[in-house]
C-alpha atoms as a PDB file:
ATOM      1  CA  MET A   1     111.340  69.253 -39.327  1.00  0.00           C
ATOM      2  CA  ASN A   2     114.506  70.667 -37.080  1.00  0.00           C
ATOM      3  CA  LEU A   3     114.663  73.765 -39.720  1.00  0.00           C
ATOM      4  CA  LEU A   4     110.861  74.349 -39.042  1.00  0.00           C
ATOM      5  CA  SER A   5     111.080  74.077 -35.257  1.00  0.00           C
ATOM      6  CA  VAL A   6     114.275  76.455 -35.298  1.00  0.00           C
ATOM      7  CA  LEU A   7     112.329  78.995 -37.630  1.00  0.00           C
ATOM      8  CA  GLU A   8     109.235  78.783 -35.417  1.00  0.00           C
ATOM      9  CA  ASP A   9     111.387  79.366 -32.491  1.00  0.00           C
ATOM     10  CA  GLU A  10     113.183  82.215 -33.895  1.00  0.00           C
ATOM     11  CA  SER A  11     109.720  83.893 -35.001  1.00  0.00           C
ATOM     12  CA  ASN A  12     108.728  84.011 -31.377  1.00  0.00           C
ATOM     13  CA  HIS A  13     112.034  85.420 -29.812  1.00  0.00           C
ATOM     14  CA  GLY A  14     113.043  87.537 -32.730  1.00  0.00           C
ATOM     15  CA  GLU A  15     115.068  90.898 -31.402  1.00  0.00           C
ATOM     16  CA  ASN A  16     113.169  93.044 -33.859  1.00  0.00           C
ATOM     17  CA  VAL A  17     109.895  93.001 -36.078  1.00  0.00           C
ATOM     18  CA  GLY A  18     111.345  92.984 -39.045  1.00  0.00           C
ATOM     19  CA  MET A  19     113.421  89.963 -38.190  1.00  0.00           C
ATOM     20  CA  SER A  20     110.341  88.136 -36.739  1.00  0.00           C
ATOM     21  CA  GLN A  21     108.459  88.648 -39.692  1.00  0.00           C
ATOM     22  CA  TYR A  22     111.374  87.037 -41.665  1.00  0.00           C
ATOM     23  CA  TYR A  23     111.326  83.923 -39.563  1.00  0.00           C
ATOM     24  CA  ILE A  24     107.549  83.556 -40.028  1.00  0.00           C
ATOM     25  CA  ILE A  25     108.010  84.344 -43.842  1.00  0.00           C
ATOM     26  CA  GLU A  26     110.733  81.424 -44.112  1.00  0.00           C
ATOM     27  CA  TYR A  27     108.717  79.094 -42.235  1.00  0.00           C
ATOM     28  CA  CYS A  28     105.978  79.369 -44.615  1.00  0.00           C
ATOM     29  CA  LEU A  29     107.883  79.251 -47.392  1.00  0.00           C
ATOM     30  CA  ILE A  30     109.697  76.075 -46.680  1.00  0.00           C
ATOM     31  CA  CYS A  31     106.317  74.509 -46.388  1.00  0.00           C
ATOM     32  CA  ASP A  32     105.456  75.613 -49.616  1.00  0.00           C
ATOM     33  CA  ILE A  33     108.304  74.385 -51.126  1.00  0.00           C
ATOM     34  CA  THR A  34     107.769  70.898 -49.513  1.00  0.00           C
ATOM     35  CA  GLN A  35     104.437  70.802 -50.614  1.00  0.00           C
ATOM     36  CA  ALA A  36     105.377  71.720 -54.489  1.00  0.00           C
ATOM     37  CA  TYR A  37     107.997  68.994 -54.421  1.00  0.00           C
ATOM     38  CA  LEU A  38     105.763  66.748 -53.115  1.00  0.00           C
ATOM     39  CA  LEU A  39     103.444  67.611 -56.032  1.00  0.00           C
ATOM     40  CA  GLU A  40     106.315  66.992 -58.450  1.00  0.00           C
ATOM     41  CA  ALA A  41     107.374  63.557 -57.127  1.00  0.00           C
ATOM     42  CA  LYS A  42     103.108  62.628 -57.438  1.00  0.00           C
ATOM     43  CA  TRP A  43     103.218  63.747 -61.138  1.00  0.00           C
ATOM     44  CA  CYS A  44     106.400  61.884 -61.776  1.00  0.00           C
ATOM     45  CA  LYS A  45     105.337  58.609 -59.925  1.00  0.00           C
ATOM     46  CA  GLU A  46     101.940  58.896 -61.932  1.00  0.00           C
ATOM     47  CA  GLY A  47     103.589  59.799 -65.381  1.00  0.00           C
ATOM     48  CA  TYR A  48     101.599  63.108 -65.413  1.00  0.00           C
ATOM     49  CA  ILE A  49     102.892  65.673 -67.880  1.00  0.00           C
ATOM     50  CA  PRO A  50     100.806  68.724 -66.571  1.00  0.00           C
ATOM     51  CA  THR A  51     100.026  71.742 -68.978  1.00  0.00           C
ATOM     52  CA  TYR A  52     102.655  74.334 -69.273  1.00  0.00           C
ATOM     53  CA  ASP A  53     100.572  77.131 -67.306  1.00  0.00           C
ATOM     54  CA  GLU A  54      99.857  74.271 -64.676  1.00  0.00           C
ATOM     55  CA  TYR A  55     103.693  73.548 -64.567  1.00  0.00           C
ATOM     56  CA  LYS A  56     104.678  77.282 -64.233  1.00  0.00           C
ATOM     57  CA  ILE A  57     102.094  77.770 -61.202  1.00  0.00           C
ATOM     58  CA  ASN A  58     104.157  75.041 -59.235  1.00  0.00           C
ATOM     59  CA  GLY A  59     107.472  76.074 -60.773  1.00  0.00           C
ATOM     60  CA  ILE A  60     107.453  79.527 -59.429  1.00  0.00           C
ATOM     61  CA  ILE A  61     107.696  77.609 -56.036  1.00  0.00           C
ATOM     62  CA  THR A  62     110.104  74.990 -56.935  1.00  0.00           C
ATOM     63  CA  SER A  63     112.547  77.556 -58.298  1.00  0.00           C
ATOM     64  CA  THR A  64     112.995  78.643 -54.634  1.00  0.00           C
ATOM     65  CA  PHE A  65     113.666  82.282 -55.695  1.00  0.00           C
ATOM     66  CA  THR A  66     111.457  83.572 -52.783  1.00  0.00           C
ATOM     67  CA  VAL A  67     113.162  81.975 -50.232  1.00  0.00           C
ATOM     68  CA  GLN A  68     116.946  82.914 -51.601  1.00  0.00           C
ATOM     69  CA  ILE A  69     115.443  86.588 -52.020  1.00  0.00           C
ATOM     70  CA  THR A  70     114.129  86.847 -48.630  1.00  0.00           C
ATOM     71  CA  SER A  71     117.103  85.259 -47.244  1.00  0.00           C
ATOM     72  CA  PHE A  72     119.431  87.790 -48.984  1.00  0.00           C
ATOM     73  CA  ILE A  73     117.267  90.761 -47.999  1.00  0.00           C
ATOM     74  CA  ALA A  74     117.349  89.822 -44.310  1.00  0.00           C
ATOM     75  CA  LEU A  75     121.252  90.331 -44.265  1.00  0.00           C
ATOM     76  CA  GLY A  76     120.450  94.104 -45.269  1.00  0.00           C
ATOM     77  CA  ASP A  77     119.678  97.310 -43.658  1.00  0.00           C
ATOM     78  CA  PHE A  78     116.150  97.454 -45.198  1.00  0.00           C
ATOM     79  CA  ALA A  79     115.306  94.237 -43.778  1.00  0.00           C
ATOM     80  CA  THR A  80     112.145  95.805 -42.396  1.00  0.00           C
ATOM     81  CA  LYS A  81     108.238  94.523 -41.675  1.00  0.00           C
ATOM     82  CA  ASP A  82     107.131  96.658 -44.590  1.00  0.00           C
ATOM     83  CA  VAL A  83     109.515  94.825 -46.977  1.00  0.00           C
ATOM     84  CA  PHE A  84     108.809  91.176 -45.657  1.00  0.00           C
ATOM     85  CA  ASP A  85     104.877  91.840 -45.812  1.00  0.00           C
ATOM     86  CA  TRP A  86     105.686  93.111 -49.663  1.00  0.00           C
ATOM     87  CA  ILE A  87     107.476  89.829 -50.413  1.00  0.00           C
ATOM     88  CA  SER A  88     104.696  87.928 -48.638  1.00  0.00           C
ATOM     89  CA  SER A  89     102.137  89.640 -51.273  1.00  0.00           C
ATOM     90  CA  ASN A  90     103.854  87.479 -53.620  1.00  0.00           C
ATOM     91  CA  PRO A  91     104.551  90.567 -56.193  1.00  0.00           C
ATOM     92  CA  ASN A  92     104.647  90.197 -59.942  1.00  0.00           C
ATOM     93  CA  ASN A  93     108.486  90.718 -60.302  1.00  0.00           C
ATOM     94  CA  ILE A  94     109.336  87.926 -57.912  1.00  0.00           C
ATOM     95  CA  LYS A  95     106.899  85.511 -59.597  1.00  0.00           C
ATOM     96  CA  ALA A  96     108.412  86.918 -63.187  1.00  0.00           C
ATOM     97  CA  ALA A  97     111.895  86.210 -61.757  1.00  0.00           C
ATOM     98  CA  SER A  98     110.980  82.713 -60.632  1.00  0.00           C
ATOM     99  CA  ILE A  99     109.604  81.714 -63.855  1.00  0.00           C
ATOM    100  CA  ILE A 100     112.683  82.904 -65.579  1.00  0.00           C
ATOM    101  CA  GLY A 101     114.784  80.977 -63.018  1.00  0.00           C
ATOM    102  CA  ARG A 102     112.734  77.751 -63.618  1.00  0.00           C
ATOM    103  CA  VAL A 103     112.008  77.528 -67.468  1.00  0.00           C
ATOM    104  CA  MET A 104     115.787  78.732 -68.095  1.00  0.00           C
ATOM    105  CA  ASP A 105     116.926  76.019 -65.893  1.00  0.00           C
ATOM    106  CA  ASP A 106     114.391  73.464 -67.598  1.00  0.00           C
ATOM    107  CA  MET A 107     115.664  74.336 -71.187  1.00  0.00           C
ATOM    108  CA  ALA A 108     119.389  73.654 -70.346  1.00  0.00           C
ATOM    109  CA  SER A 109     118.771  70.597 -68.217  1.00  0.00           C
ATOM    110  CA  HIS A 110     115.760  68.553 -69.590  1.00  0.00           C
ATOM    111  CA  ASN A 111     117.460  66.423 -72.347  1.00  0.00           C
ATOM    112  CA  PHE A 112     120.077  65.140 -69.305  1.00  0.00           C
ATOM    113  CA  GLU A 113     117.050  64.647 -66.758  1.00  0.00           C
ATOM    114  CA  GLN A 114     114.514  63.065 -69.351  1.00  0.00           C
ATOM    115  CA  LYS A 115     117.040  59.980 -69.696  1.00  0.00           C
ATOM    116  CA  ARG A 116     116.086  58.621 -66.095  1.00  0.00           C
ATOM    117  CA  VAL A 117     112.744  58.924 -64.322  1.00  0.00           C
ATOM    118  CA  HIS A 118     112.302  62.869 -63.952  1.00  0.00           C
ATOM    119  CA  VAL A 119     109.161  64.569 -63.686  1.00  0.00           C
ATOM    120  CA  ALA A 120     108.334  66.574 -66.990  1.00  0.00           C
ATOM    121  CA  SER A 121     110.107  69.778 -67.423  1.00  0.00           C
ATOM    122  CA  ALA A 122     108.879  73.294 -68.722  1.00  0.00           C
ATOM    123  CA  VAL A 123     109.687  71.824 -72.358  1.00  0.00           C
ATOM    124  CA  GLU A 124     107.899  68.589 -72.346  1.00  0.00           C
ATOM    125  CA  CYS A 125     104.656  70.479 -70.927  1.00  0.00           C
ATOM    126  CA  CYS A 126     104.951  73.089 -73.288  1.00  0.00           C
ATOM    127  CA  ILE A 127     104.831  70.440 -76.090  1.00  0.00           C
ATOM    128  CA  LYS A 128     102.143  68.580 -74.736  1.00  0.00           C
ATOM    129  CA  GLN A 129      99.923  71.672 -74.155  1.00  0.00           C
ATOM    130  CA  HIS A 130     100.313  73.279 -77.611  1.00  0.00           C
ATOM    131  CA  GLY A 131     101.168  70.136 -79.800  1.00  0.00           C
ATOM    132  CA  ILE A 132     104.352  71.541 -81.257  1.00  0.00           C
ATOM    133  CA  SER A 133     107.875  70.842 -81.388  1.00  0.00           C
ATOM    134  CA  GLU A 134     110.620  70.855 -79.130  1.00  0.00           C
ATOM    135  CA  GLU A 135     112.385  73.951 -81.162  1.00  0.00           C
ATOM    136  CA  GLU A 136     109.011  75.762 -80.884  1.00  0.00           C
ATOM    137  CA  ALA A 137     108.623  75.146 -77.318  1.00  0.00           C
ATOM    138  CA  TYR A 138     111.967  76.671 -76.825  1.00  0.00           C
ATOM    139  CA  GLU A 139     110.595  79.928 -78.816  1.00  0.00           C
ATOM    140  CA  LEU A 140     107.572  79.940 -76.964  1.00  0.00           C
ATOM    141  CA  ILE A 141     109.369  79.703 -73.470  1.00  0.00           C
ATOM    142  CA  ASN A 142     111.911  82.556 -74.516  1.00  0.00           C
ATOM    143  CA  LYS A 143     109.004  84.505 -75.468  1.00  0.00           C
ATOM    144  CA  ASP A 144     107.607  84.132 -71.869  1.00  0.00           C
ATOM    145  CA  VAL A 145     111.298  85.126 -70.441  1.00  0.00           C
ATOM    146  CA  LYS A 146     111.138  88.395 -72.383  1.00  0.00           C
ATOM    147  CA  GLN A 147     107.629  89.037 -71.062  1.00  0.00           C
ATOM    148  CA  CYS A 148     108.706  88.231 -67.514  1.00  0.00           C
ATOM    149  CA  TRP A 149     111.563  90.943 -67.846  1.00  0.00           C
ATOM    150  CA  LYS A 150     109.278  93.519 -68.713  1.00  0.00           C
ATOM    151  CA  ILE A 151     107.506  92.895 -65.831  1.00  0.00           C
ATOM    152  CA  ILE A 152     110.422  93.097 -63.828  1.00  0.00           C
ATOM    153  CA  ASN A 153     111.263  96.314 -65.215  1.00  0.00           C
ATOM    154  CA  GLU A 154     107.703  97.780 -64.624  1.00  0.00           C
ATOM    155  CA  GLU A 155     107.881  96.878 -61.083  1.00  0.00           C
ATOM    156  CA  TYR A 156     110.556  99.785 -60.689  1.00  0.00           C
ATOM    157  CA  LEU A 157     108.050 101.918 -61.598  1.00  0.00           C
ATOM    158  CA  MET A 158     105.103 100.802 -60.034  1.00  0.00           C
ATOM    159  CA  LYS A 159     106.570  99.765 -56.432  1.00  0.00           C
ATOM    160  CA  PRO A 160     105.404 100.995 -53.129  1.00  0.00           C
ATOM    161  CA  ASN A 161     107.371 104.072 -51.948  1.00  0.00           C
ATOM    162  CA  TYR A 162     108.418 102.091 -48.829  1.00  0.00           C
ATOM    163  CA  ILE A 163     110.182  99.467 -51.057  1.00  0.00           C
ATOM    164  CA  PRO A 164     113.797 100.325 -51.603  1.00  0.00           C
ATOM    165  CA  ASN A 165     115.535 100.052 -55.239  1.00  0.00           C
ATOM    166  CA  TYR A 166     117.960  97.403 -53.306  1.00  0.00           C
ATOM    167  CA  VAL A 167     114.993  95.073 -52.879  1.00  0.00           C
ATOM    168  CA  LEU A 168     114.073  94.983 -56.457  1.00  0.00           C
ATOM    169  CA  ASP A 169     117.932  95.145 -57.355  1.00  0.00           C
ATOM    170  CA  CYS A 170     117.881  91.666 -55.608  1.00  0.00           C
ATOM    171  CA  VAL A 171     115.152  90.227 -57.395  1.00  0.00           C
ATOM    172  CA  ALA A 172     116.231  91.203 -60.862  1.00  0.00           C
ATOM    173  CA  ASN A 173     119.824  90.277 -60.217  1.00  0.00           C
ATOM    174  CA  LEU A 174     118.941  86.853 -59.488  1.00  0.00           C
ATOM    175  CA  ALA A 175     117.310  86.491 -62.693  1.00  0.00           C
ATOM    176  CA  ARG A 176     120.277  87.970 -64.388  1.00  0.00           C
ATOM    177  CA  MET A 177     122.136  85.317 -62.850  1.00  0.00           C
ATOM    178  CA  CYS A 178     119.834  82.400 -64.101  1.00  0.00           C
ATOM    179  CA  GLU A 179     120.203  84.014 -67.706  1.00  0.00           C
ATOM    180  CA  LEU A 180     124.090  83.561 -67.283  1.00  0.00           C
ATOM    181  CA  VAL A 181     124.283  80.307 -65.851  1.00  0.00           C
ATOM    182  CA  TYR A 182     121.591  78.772 -68.262  1.00  0.00           C
ATOM    183  CA  GLN A 183     121.917  80.985 -71.501  1.00  0.00           C
ATOM    184  CA  ASN A 184     122.400  79.229 -74.686  1.00  0.00           C
ATOM    185  CA  ARG A 185     120.592  76.165 -73.208  1.00  0.00           C
ATOM    186  CA  GLU A 186     123.940  75.347 -71.281  1.00  0.00           C
ATOM    187  CA  ASP A 187     123.876  74.147 -67.629  1.00  0.00           C
ATOM    188  CA  LYS A 188     126.736  75.934 -66.202  1.00  0.00           C
ATOM    189  CA  TYR A 189     125.369  75.178 -62.780  1.00  0.00           C
ATOM    190  CA  THR A 190     125.823  71.597 -63.024  1.00  0.00           C
ATOM    191  CA  ASP A 191     129.056  71.529 -65.440  1.00  0.00           C
ATOM    192  CA  GLU A 192     131.384  74.068 -63.352  1.00  0.00           C
ATOM    193  CA  LYS A 193     134.064  74.066 -66.419  1.00  0.00           C
ATOM    194  CA  LEU A 194     131.705  76.011 -68.434  1.00  0.00           C
ATOM    195  CA  MET A 195     131.759  78.796 -65.321  1.00  0.00           C
ATOM    196  CA  LYS A 196     135.484  78.937 -64.668  1.00  0.00           C
ATOM    197  CA  ASP A 197     136.011  81.832 -67.254  1.00  0.00           C
ATOM    198  CA  TYR A 198     133.449  84.207 -65.773  1.00  0.00           C
ATOM    199  CA  VAL A 199     134.655  83.279 -62.097  1.00  0.00           C
ATOM    200  CA  PHE A 200     138.020  84.073 -63.400  1.00  0.00           C
ATOM    201  CA  SER A 201     136.947  87.120 -64.688  1.00  0.00           C
ATOM    202  CA  MET A 202     135.092  88.516 -61.475  1.00  0.00           C
ATOM    203  CA  LEU A 203     137.411  87.151 -58.672  1.00  0.00           C
ATOM    204  CA  VAL A 204     141.015  86.741 -60.217  1.00  0.00           C
ATOM    205  CA  ASP A 205     141.343  89.157 -63.153  1.00  0.00           C
ATOM    206  CA  PRO A 206     138.573  91.876 -62.535  1.00  0.00           C
ATOM    207  CA  VAL A 207     137.919  95.048 -64.639  1.00  0.00           C
ATOM    208  CA  CYS A 208     138.708  97.634 -62.348  1.00  0.00           C
ATOM    209  CA  ILE A 209     136.483 101.082 -62.224  1.00  0.00           C
ATOM    210  CA  ASN A 210     138.138 103.875 -60.438  1.00  0.00           C
ATOM    211  CA  LEU A 211     134.808 105.951 -59.836  1.00  0.00           C
ATOM    212  CA  HIS A 212     136.539 108.788 -58.375  1.00  0.00           C
ATOM    213  CA  HIS A 213     138.779 109.139 -61.417  1.00  0.00           C
ATOM    214  CA  GLN A 214     135.490 108.518 -63.664  1.00  0.00           C
ATOM    215  CA  HIS A 215     133.644 111.607 -61.729  1.00  0.00           C
ATOM    216  CA  GLU A 216     136.595 114.029 -62.247  1.00  0.00           C
ATOM    217  CA  LYS A 217     136.743 113.198 -65.955  1.00  0.00           C
ATOM    218  CA  LEU A 218     133.032 113.913 -66.066  1.00  0.00           C
ATOM    219  CA  SER A 219     133.116 117.158 -63.990  1.00  0.00           C
ATOM    220  CA  LEU A 220     135.826 118.383 -66.435  1.00  0.00           C
ATOM    221  CA  ILE A 221     133.514 117.850 -69.697  1.00  0.00           C
END
């Protein structure tokens, strides 16, 4: 409740309209996430396995993608009221990225999670709804992921003119991160050793690209 109190207070005393809108959105998103987690807890307690479609609706919220995207955008110069209003409209690309994050996570972690009392994952929900095997569920879910990527890419062509591409990049990059972290059904988020080489190549031994030099070479062609 302290967090909600802080967000409510900041929304009333924000220095600019854009940031005031940010605090209002964050307040609403935290409330939504709380309700979504409580629903998962209810499902778990009752041993209820929702349909795959029902699970995805709640999973869009429990992925917490909208909170992460909103918080990251708030750090940039493009954090305007128009941008936050667009986020509040629940655009298709954010929903698609959220589904990617939710189901990729589930495919990587559900076998471990189901060894203890835990809410059904996208995999179990898919198996129940369609009466298919685990491998067939993976195939169906991966088709869903591909369709979500089409939606994310289409948004670059369909977005309102007042939404900068930087905002769409935040959405796409978060989905890309999930593809990396959970690819091949490996949970690199939980098992940090699986991420070691990626972190090393990015921070310790990065590939240097001299953009100025590349521009000079292109000019000579």
